[in-house]
Amino acid sequence: MTYLLDLIEQYGLILVFANVLLEQLGIPLPAYPTLVITGALLDRGEYSAPALLLTAVCASLIADTAWYAAGRRYGKKVTATLCRISLSPDSCVRQTEIIYLRWGAPSLLLAKFIPGFASVARALAGTVGTRRLSFVFFDGLGAMLWAGSAIYLGSLFSTAIEDLLDILEALGKWGGVLLGAALVSFIAYKWWQRYRFLKSLRMARITVEELNALLEQGQEPLIVDVRASQSQQVDRIPGAVVLSVDDLTGPDFEKLIAGEVIVYCACPNEASAAVVAKKLMQRGYTRVRPLAGGIDAWIAAGYGVES
């Protein structure tokens, strides 16, 4: 443990740069606690507060710009991949689209404070064509607010944090074990959250081939589009009814769901569609199924869309 503290004091900037860079690239190594600790050890370390802040912001910008470039080049494939691998159950494309498409690049100011948002918003900014200068400006300010708040908290509670570090140092190797256990517990908790979220969405799906067959046979199931409002205006399955995930009320909708209901979105694991399907089933509608693969699977299969 003493060796670890010596590293923080002497090479705090390098550790902060590496930790922030890895976390922002997607590795589940929380950088906020590192920034708090290095902020508390400003007097003991060989670095200043401005240098510490600049290091964190630069590392964050490097990783975020990489995700922005990937989103710009590969489009929705990148955001979908991020949603699949993220440990946060909140990082659905639809949820991020609602926030980002409403507020645009300024939403990046608070992105790192919103669980599940930052991991997708950076790539989404490239996907929707946000100007590079705007992205760098607002993302840089957001990184400054995020890192600056951690450094400030560390300096504000430096005495308490140093006392805690002294206790861990006195524990020797057991102090390192406690820190390792805390990290493992954090990752396990986030994984458990995601597992429970995905488990709650398990239900029968309908494939795009099955849905197309129903339509060709003249059957008319109610097809419901629950994507973000901006996405609902393009590439919609013919005949689909648009609906907000958060609002399932309305007399028109009540009249339409006498038969089977097919719900689709653009989220990995059909998350938004499954959430709406669950809500409808809780209200007594039993013939409700999410569309496996959502709109992306429908388009990939070569079936027609409308605007």
Protein backbone atom coordinates (compact mmCIF):
# COMPACT_ATOMS: atom_id res chain seq x y z
CA MET A 1 0.00 0.00 0.00
CA THR A 2 2.91 2.36 0.80
CA TYR A 3 4.29 1.70 -2.68
CA LEU A 4 0.94 2.66 -4.21
CA LEU A 5 0.82 5.95 -2.31
CA ASP A 6 4.38 6.72 -3.37
CA LEU A 7 3.36 6.15 -6.98
CA ILE A 8 0.39 8.51 -6.61
CA GLU A 9 2.55 11.20 -5.03
CA GLN A 10 5.36 10.97 -7.58
CA TYR A 11 3.53 9.91 -10.74
CA GLY A 12 0.03 11.16 -10.06
CA LEU A 13 -0.33 12.83 -13.47
CA ILE A 14 0.66 9.67 -15.36
CA LEU A 15 -1.72 7.53 -13.31
CA VAL A 16 -4.56 10.00 -13.80
CA PHE A 17 -3.95 10.18 -17.54
CA ALA A 18 -3.91 6.39 -17.89
CA ASN A 19 -6.96 5.86 -15.65
CA VAL A 20 -9.10 8.53 -17.33
CA LEU A 21 -8.08 7.37 -20.81
CA LEU A 22 -8.90 3.71 -20.10
CA GLU A 23 -12.22 4.51 -18.43
CA GLN A 24 -13.34 6.78 -21.25
CA LEU A 25 -12.35 4.12 -23.79
CA GLY A 26 -14.73 1.72 -22.04
CA ILE A 27 -12.63 -0.17 -19.48
CA PRO A 28 -14.56 -0.35 -16.15
CA LEU A 29 -11.85 1.34 -14.05
CA PRO A 30 -13.53 4.31 -12.29
CA ALA A 31 -11.39 7.42 -12.69
CA TYR A 32 -13.44 9.73 -10.46
CA PRO A 33 -12.07 8.23 -7.20
CA THR A 34 -8.53 8.57 -8.59
CA LEU A 35 -9.14 12.24 -9.32
CA VAL A 36 -10.55 12.76 -5.82
CA ILE A 37 -7.52 11.09 -4.21
CA THR A 38 -4.98 12.96 -6.33
CA GLY A 39 -6.85 16.16 -5.59
CA ALA A 40 -6.56 15.43 -1.87
CA LEU A 41 -2.81 14.78 -2.23
CA LEU A 42 -2.01 17.99 -4.09
CA ASP A 43 0.18 19.21 -1.24
CA ARG A 44 2.06 15.90 -1.04
CA GLY A 45 2.36 15.25 -4.77
CA GLU A 46 4.72 16.76 -7.31
CA TYR A 47 1.96 18.33 -9.39
CA SER A 48 -0.39 21.31 -9.28
CA ALA A 49 -4.16 21.53 -9.55
CA PRO A 50 -4.11 23.11 -13.06
CA ALA A 51 -1.71 20.43 -14.30
CA LEU A 52 -3.89 17.70 -12.82
CA LEU A 53 -7.03 19.16 -14.43
CA LEU A 54 -5.33 19.60 -17.81
CA THR A 55 -4.07 16.01 -17.73
CA ALA A 56 -7.54 14.61 -17.03
CA VAL A 57 -9.19 16.77 -19.71
CA CYS A 58 -6.61 15.82 -22.36
CA ALA A 59 -6.99 12.10 -21.62
CA SER A 60 -10.77 12.39 -21.77
CA LEU A 61 -10.69 14.32 -25.05
CA ILE A 62 -8.41 11.76 -26.69
CA ALA A 63 -10.76 8.88 -25.84
CA ASP A 64 -13.94 10.83 -26.60
CA THR A 65 -12.63 12.04 -29.97
CA ALA A 66 -11.79 8.44 -30.88
CA TRP A 67 -15.40 7.40 -30.18
CA TYR A 68 -16.66 10.46 -32.09
CA ALA A 69 -14.56 9.48 -35.12
CA ALA A 70 -15.79 5.88 -34.91
CA GLY A 71 -19.40 7.05 -34.78
CA ARG A 72 -18.84 9.33 -37.74
CA ARG A 73 -17.30 6.53 -39.81
CA TYR A 74 -19.35 3.51 -38.81
CA GLY A 75 -22.64 5.13 -37.76
CA LYS A 76 -25.18 3.30 -35.62
CA LYS A 77 -23.11 0.12 -35.55
CA VAL A 78 -20.82 1.77 -33.00
CA THR A 79 -23.60 2.98 -30.70
CA ALA A 80 -25.29 -0.40 -30.85
CA THR A 81 -22.02 -2.13 -29.92
CA LEU A 82 -21.50 0.26 -27.00
CA CYS A 83 -24.96 -0.54 -25.68
CA ARG A 84 -24.29 -4.27 -25.89
CA ILE A 85 -20.98 -4.16 -23.97
CA SER A 86 -21.82 -1.42 -21.48
CA LEU A 87 -22.27 -2.43 -17.84
CA SER A 88 -24.88 0.28 -17.41
CA PRO A 89 -28.49 -0.78 -18.03
CA ASP A 90 -29.34 2.85 -18.78
CA SER A 91 -27.23 3.11 -21.92
CA CYS A 92 -29.91 2.43 -24.51
CA VAL A 93 -29.64 4.20 -27.85
CA ARG A 94 -33.20 5.53 -27.57
CA GLN A 95 -32.63 7.16 -24.20
CA THR A 96 -29.41 8.79 -25.35
CA GLU A 97 -31.00 9.96 -28.61
CA ILE A 98 -33.85 11.64 -26.76
CA ILE A 99 -31.43 13.73 -24.70
CA TYR A 100 -28.81 14.38 -27.38
CA LEU A 101 -31.16 15.15 -30.27
CA ARG A 102 -33.09 17.54 -28.07
CA TRP A 103 -30.14 19.49 -26.65
CA GLY A 104 -27.41 18.74 -29.16
CA ALA A 105 -23.72 19.21 -28.38
CA PRO A 106 -24.38 21.29 -25.19
CA SER A 107 -25.71 18.10 -23.57
CA LEU A 108 -22.08 16.93 -23.46
CA LEU A 109 -21.49 19.46 -20.68
CA LEU A 110 -23.21 17.12 -18.22
CA ALA A 111 -22.82 13.82 -20.09
CA LYS A 112 -20.21 12.36 -17.74
CA PHE A 113 -22.51 12.92 -14.76
CA ILE A 114 -25.39 10.90 -16.29
CA PRO A 115 -25.03 7.10 -15.95
CA GLY A 116 -25.07 5.38 -19.31
CA PHE A 117 -25.29 8.61 -21.31
CA ALA A 118 -21.65 9.53 -21.87
CA SER A 119 -20.71 6.06 -23.14
CA VAL A 120 -23.09 6.41 -26.10
CA ALA A 121 -23.33 10.19 -26.61
CA ARG A 122 -19.76 10.58 -27.88
CA ALA A 123 -20.25 8.10 -30.71
CA LEU A 124 -23.78 9.39 -31.35
CA ALA A 125 -22.38 12.90 -31.83
CA GLY A 126 -20.33 11.59 -34.74
CA THR A 127 -23.20 9.52 -36.09
CA VAL A 128 -25.64 12.45 -36.29
CA GLY A 129 -23.03 14.75 -37.83
CA THR A 130 -22.21 17.14 -35.00
CA ARG A 131 -19.47 19.51 -36.13
CA ARG A 132 -16.05 18.49 -34.84
CA LEU A 133 -15.32 21.94 -33.40
CA SER A 134 -18.61 22.00 -31.48
CA PHE A 135 -17.99 18.49 -30.20
CA VAL A 136 -14.48 19.26 -28.96
CA PHE A 137 -15.59 22.53 -27.36
CA PHE A 138 -18.54 21.17 -25.39
CA ASP A 139 -16.96 17.80 -24.65
CA GLY A 140 -13.83 19.56 -23.37
CA LEU A 141 -15.90 21.82 -21.11
CA GLY A 142 -17.84 18.80 -19.87
CA ALA A 143 -14.61 16.96 -19.09
CA MET A 144 -13.36 20.05 -17.26
CA LEU A 145 -16.50 20.20 -15.12
CA TRP A 146 -16.35 16.47 -14.39
CA ALA A 147 -12.64 16.34 -13.51
CA GLY A 148 -12.71 19.72 -11.79
CA SER A 149 -15.53 18.67 -9.46
CA ALA A 150 -13.57 15.57 -8.42
CA ILE A 151 -10.37 17.52 -7.80
CA TYR A 152 -12.29 20.14 -5.84
CA LEU A 153 -13.98 17.50 -3.68
CA GLY A 154 -10.60 15.92 -3.02
CA SER A 155 -9.05 19.20 -1.93
CA LEU A 156 -12.14 20.10 0.11
CA PHE A 157 -12.05 16.84 2.09
CA SER A 158 -8.30 16.35 1.90
CA THR A 159 -7.91 15.84 5.64
CA ALA A 160 -10.50 13.07 5.83
CA ILE A 161 -9.16 11.40 2.67
CA GLU A 162 -5.56 11.53 3.91
CA ASP A 163 -6.65 10.00 7.22
CA LEU A 164 -8.35 7.19 5.31
CA LEU A 165 -5.26 6.65 3.18
CA ASP A 166 -3.11 6.55 6.32
CA ILE A 167 -5.36 3.81 7.72
CA LEU A 168 -5.06 1.83 4.49
CA GLU A 169 -1.31 2.35 4.53
CA ALA A 170 -1.14 1.05 8.12
CA LEU A 171 -3.02 -2.06 7.02
CA GLY A 172 -0.23 -2.83 4.56
CA LYS A 173 -1.12 -5.43 1.96
CA TRP A 174 -4.61 -5.76 3.41
CA GLY A 175 -5.24 -2.14 2.45
CA GLY A 176 -4.51 -3.05 -1.16
CA VAL A 177 -6.77 -6.06 -0.85
CA LEU A 178 -9.60 -3.82 0.38
CA LEU A 179 -9.15 -1.47 -2.58
CA GLY A 180 -9.12 -4.40 -4.99
CA ALA A 181 -12.23 -5.85 -3.36
CA ALA A 182 -13.98 -2.48 -3.68
CA LEU A 183 -13.20 -2.35 -7.42
CA VAL A 184 -14.37 -5.92 -7.98
CA SER A 185 -17.54 -5.20 -6.00
CA PHE A 186 -18.26 -2.13 -8.13
CA ILE A 187 -17.89 -4.06 -11.38
CA ALA A 188 -19.95 -6.96 -10.02
CA TYR A 189 -22.72 -4.59 -8.91
CA LYS A 190 -22.91 -2.91 -12.34
CA TRP A 191 -22.93 -6.31 -14.03
CA TRP A 192 -25.74 -7.51 -11.72
CA GLN A 193 -27.75 -4.38 -12.50
CA ARG A 194 -27.45 -5.07 -16.21
CA TYR A 195 -28.24 -8.77 -15.76
CA ARG A 196 -31.42 -7.99 -13.83
CA PHE A 197 -32.44 -5.39 -16.43
CA LEU A 198 -31.97 -7.79 -19.34
CA LYS A 199 -33.64 -10.63 -17.44
CA SER A 200 -36.70 -8.46 -16.87
CA LEU A 201 -37.02 -8.03 -20.64
CA ARG A 202 -37.11 -11.74 -21.51
CA MET A 203 -40.22 -12.59 -23.48
CA ALA A 204 -41.25 -14.10 -26.81
CA ARG A 205 -40.08 -12.12 -29.85
CA ILE A 206 -41.34 -12.08 -33.42
CA THR A 207 -38.77 -12.19 -36.22
CA VAL A 208 -38.83 -9.80 -39.16
CA GLU A 209 -39.56 -12.75 -41.46
CA GLU A 210 -42.59 -13.72 -39.39
CA LEU A 211 -43.87 -10.14 -39.35
CA ASN A 212 -43.44 -9.79 -43.11
CA ALA A 213 -45.31 -13.09 -43.61
CA LEU A 214 -48.21 -11.80 -41.51
CA LEU A 215 -48.42 -8.65 -43.61
CA GLU A 216 -48.29 -10.60 -46.88
CA GLN A 217 -51.11 -12.83 -45.64
CA GLY A 218 -53.30 -9.78 -45.19
CA GLN A 219 -53.23 -9.84 -41.41
CA GLU A 220 -52.96 -6.41 -39.83
CA PRO A 221 -51.25 -6.48 -36.45
CA LEU A 222 -50.74 -3.10 -34.82
CA ILE A 223 -47.09 -2.16 -35.40
CA VAL A 224 -45.81 0.35 -32.86
CA ASP A 225 -42.64 2.45 -33.29
CA VAL A 226 -41.24 3.51 -29.89
CA ARG A 227 -37.97 5.07 -31.02
CA ALA A 228 -37.01 8.67 -30.32
CA SER A 229 -39.36 11.11 -32.08
CA GLN A 230 -36.68 12.25 -34.54
CA SER A 231 -35.96 8.66 -35.59
CA GLN A 232 -39.67 7.90 -36.00
CA GLN A 233 -39.88 10.34 -38.89
CA VAL A 234 -37.61 8.31 -41.20
CA ASP A 235 -37.28 4.65 -42.17
CA ARG A 236 -40.49 3.54 -40.48
CA ILE A 237 -42.06 0.12 -41.05
CA PRO A 238 -45.10 0.69 -43.32
CA GLY A 239 -48.26 1.27 -41.33
CA ALA A 240 -46.47 1.69 -38.02
CA VAL A 241 -48.03 3.86 -35.33
CA VAL A 242 -45.64 6.13 -33.45
CA LEU A 243 -45.79 6.07 -29.68
CA SER A 244 -43.86 7.49 -26.77
CA VAL A 245 -42.35 4.98 -24.36
CA ASP A 246 -43.43 7.10 -21.43
CA ASP A 247 -47.01 7.73 -22.57
CA LEU A 248 -49.24 4.77 -23.41
CA THR A 249 -52.50 6.60 -22.86
CA GLY A 250 -54.91 8.01 -25.41
CA PRO A 251 -58.30 6.92 -26.75
CA ASP A 252 -57.00 6.35 -30.30
CA PHE A 253 -54.40 3.88 -29.10
CA GLU A 254 -56.92 2.09 -26.90
CA LYS A 255 -59.13 1.41 -29.95
CA LEU A 256 -56.26 0.05 -32.03
CA ILE A 257 -54.97 -2.69 -29.76
CA ALA A 258 -57.82 -5.15 -30.07
CA GLY A 259 -55.58 -7.61 -31.95
CA GLU A 260 -51.90 -8.47 -31.89
CA VAL A 261 -49.37 -5.74 -31.17
CA ILE A 262 -45.80 -5.72 -32.53
CA VAL A 263 -43.46 -3.21 -30.88
CA TYR A 264 -40.10 -2.22 -32.31
CA CYS A 265 -37.22 0.13 -31.50
CA ALA A 266 -33.54 0.52 -32.43
CA CYS A 267 -32.04 -0.69 -29.17
CA PRO A 268 -29.79 -3.73 -28.65
CA ASN A 269 -31.78 -6.53 -27.01
CA GLU A 270 -34.94 -4.64 -28.10
CA ALA A 271 -34.83 -2.92 -24.71
CA SER A 272 -37.29 -0.08 -25.33
CA ALA A 273 -39.69 -2.31 -27.25
CA ALA A 274 -39.63 -4.89 -24.46
CA VAL A 275 -40.27 -2.21 -21.83
CA VAL A 276 -43.36 -1.01 -23.71
CA ALA A 277 -44.52 -4.60 -24.29
CA LYS A 278 -44.23 -5.28 -20.55
CA LYS A 279 -46.29 -2.20 -19.75
CA LEU A 280 -48.99 -3.21 -22.21
CA MET A 281 -49.10 -6.75 -20.83
CA GLN A 282 -49.49 -5.36 -17.32
CA ARG A 283 -52.53 -3.47 -18.58
CA GLY A 284 -54.11 -6.71 -19.78
CA TYR A 285 -52.98 -6.95 -23.40
CA THR A 286 -51.52 -10.44 -23.82
CA ARG A 287 -50.82 -10.54 -27.58
CA VAL A 288 -47.82 -8.25 -27.49
CA ARG A 289 -44.38 -9.09 -28.90
CA PRO A 290 -41.20 -7.06 -29.51
CA LEU A 291 -39.66 -7.27 -32.99
CA ALA A 292 -36.36 -9.15 -32.76
CA GLY A 293 -33.57 -6.92 -34.07
CA GLY A 294 -35.86 -3.91 -34.36
CA ILE A 295 -35.84 -1.57 -37.34
CA ASP A 296 -32.22 -2.44 -38.17
CA ALA A 297 -33.08 -6.12 -38.70
CA TRP A 298 -36.10 -5.15 -40.81
CA ILE A 299 -33.98 -2.96 -43.11
CA ALA A 300 -31.13 -5.50 -43.24
CA ALA A 301 -33.62 -8.14 -44.44
CA GLY A 302 -34.49 -5.88 -47.39
CA TYR A 303 -38.08 -5.12 -46.41
CA GLY A 304 -39.63 -1.80 -47.33
CA VAL A 305 -39.80 1.31 -45.15
CA GLU A 306 -41.61 4.61 -45.34
CA SER A 307 -41.03 8.13 -44.06
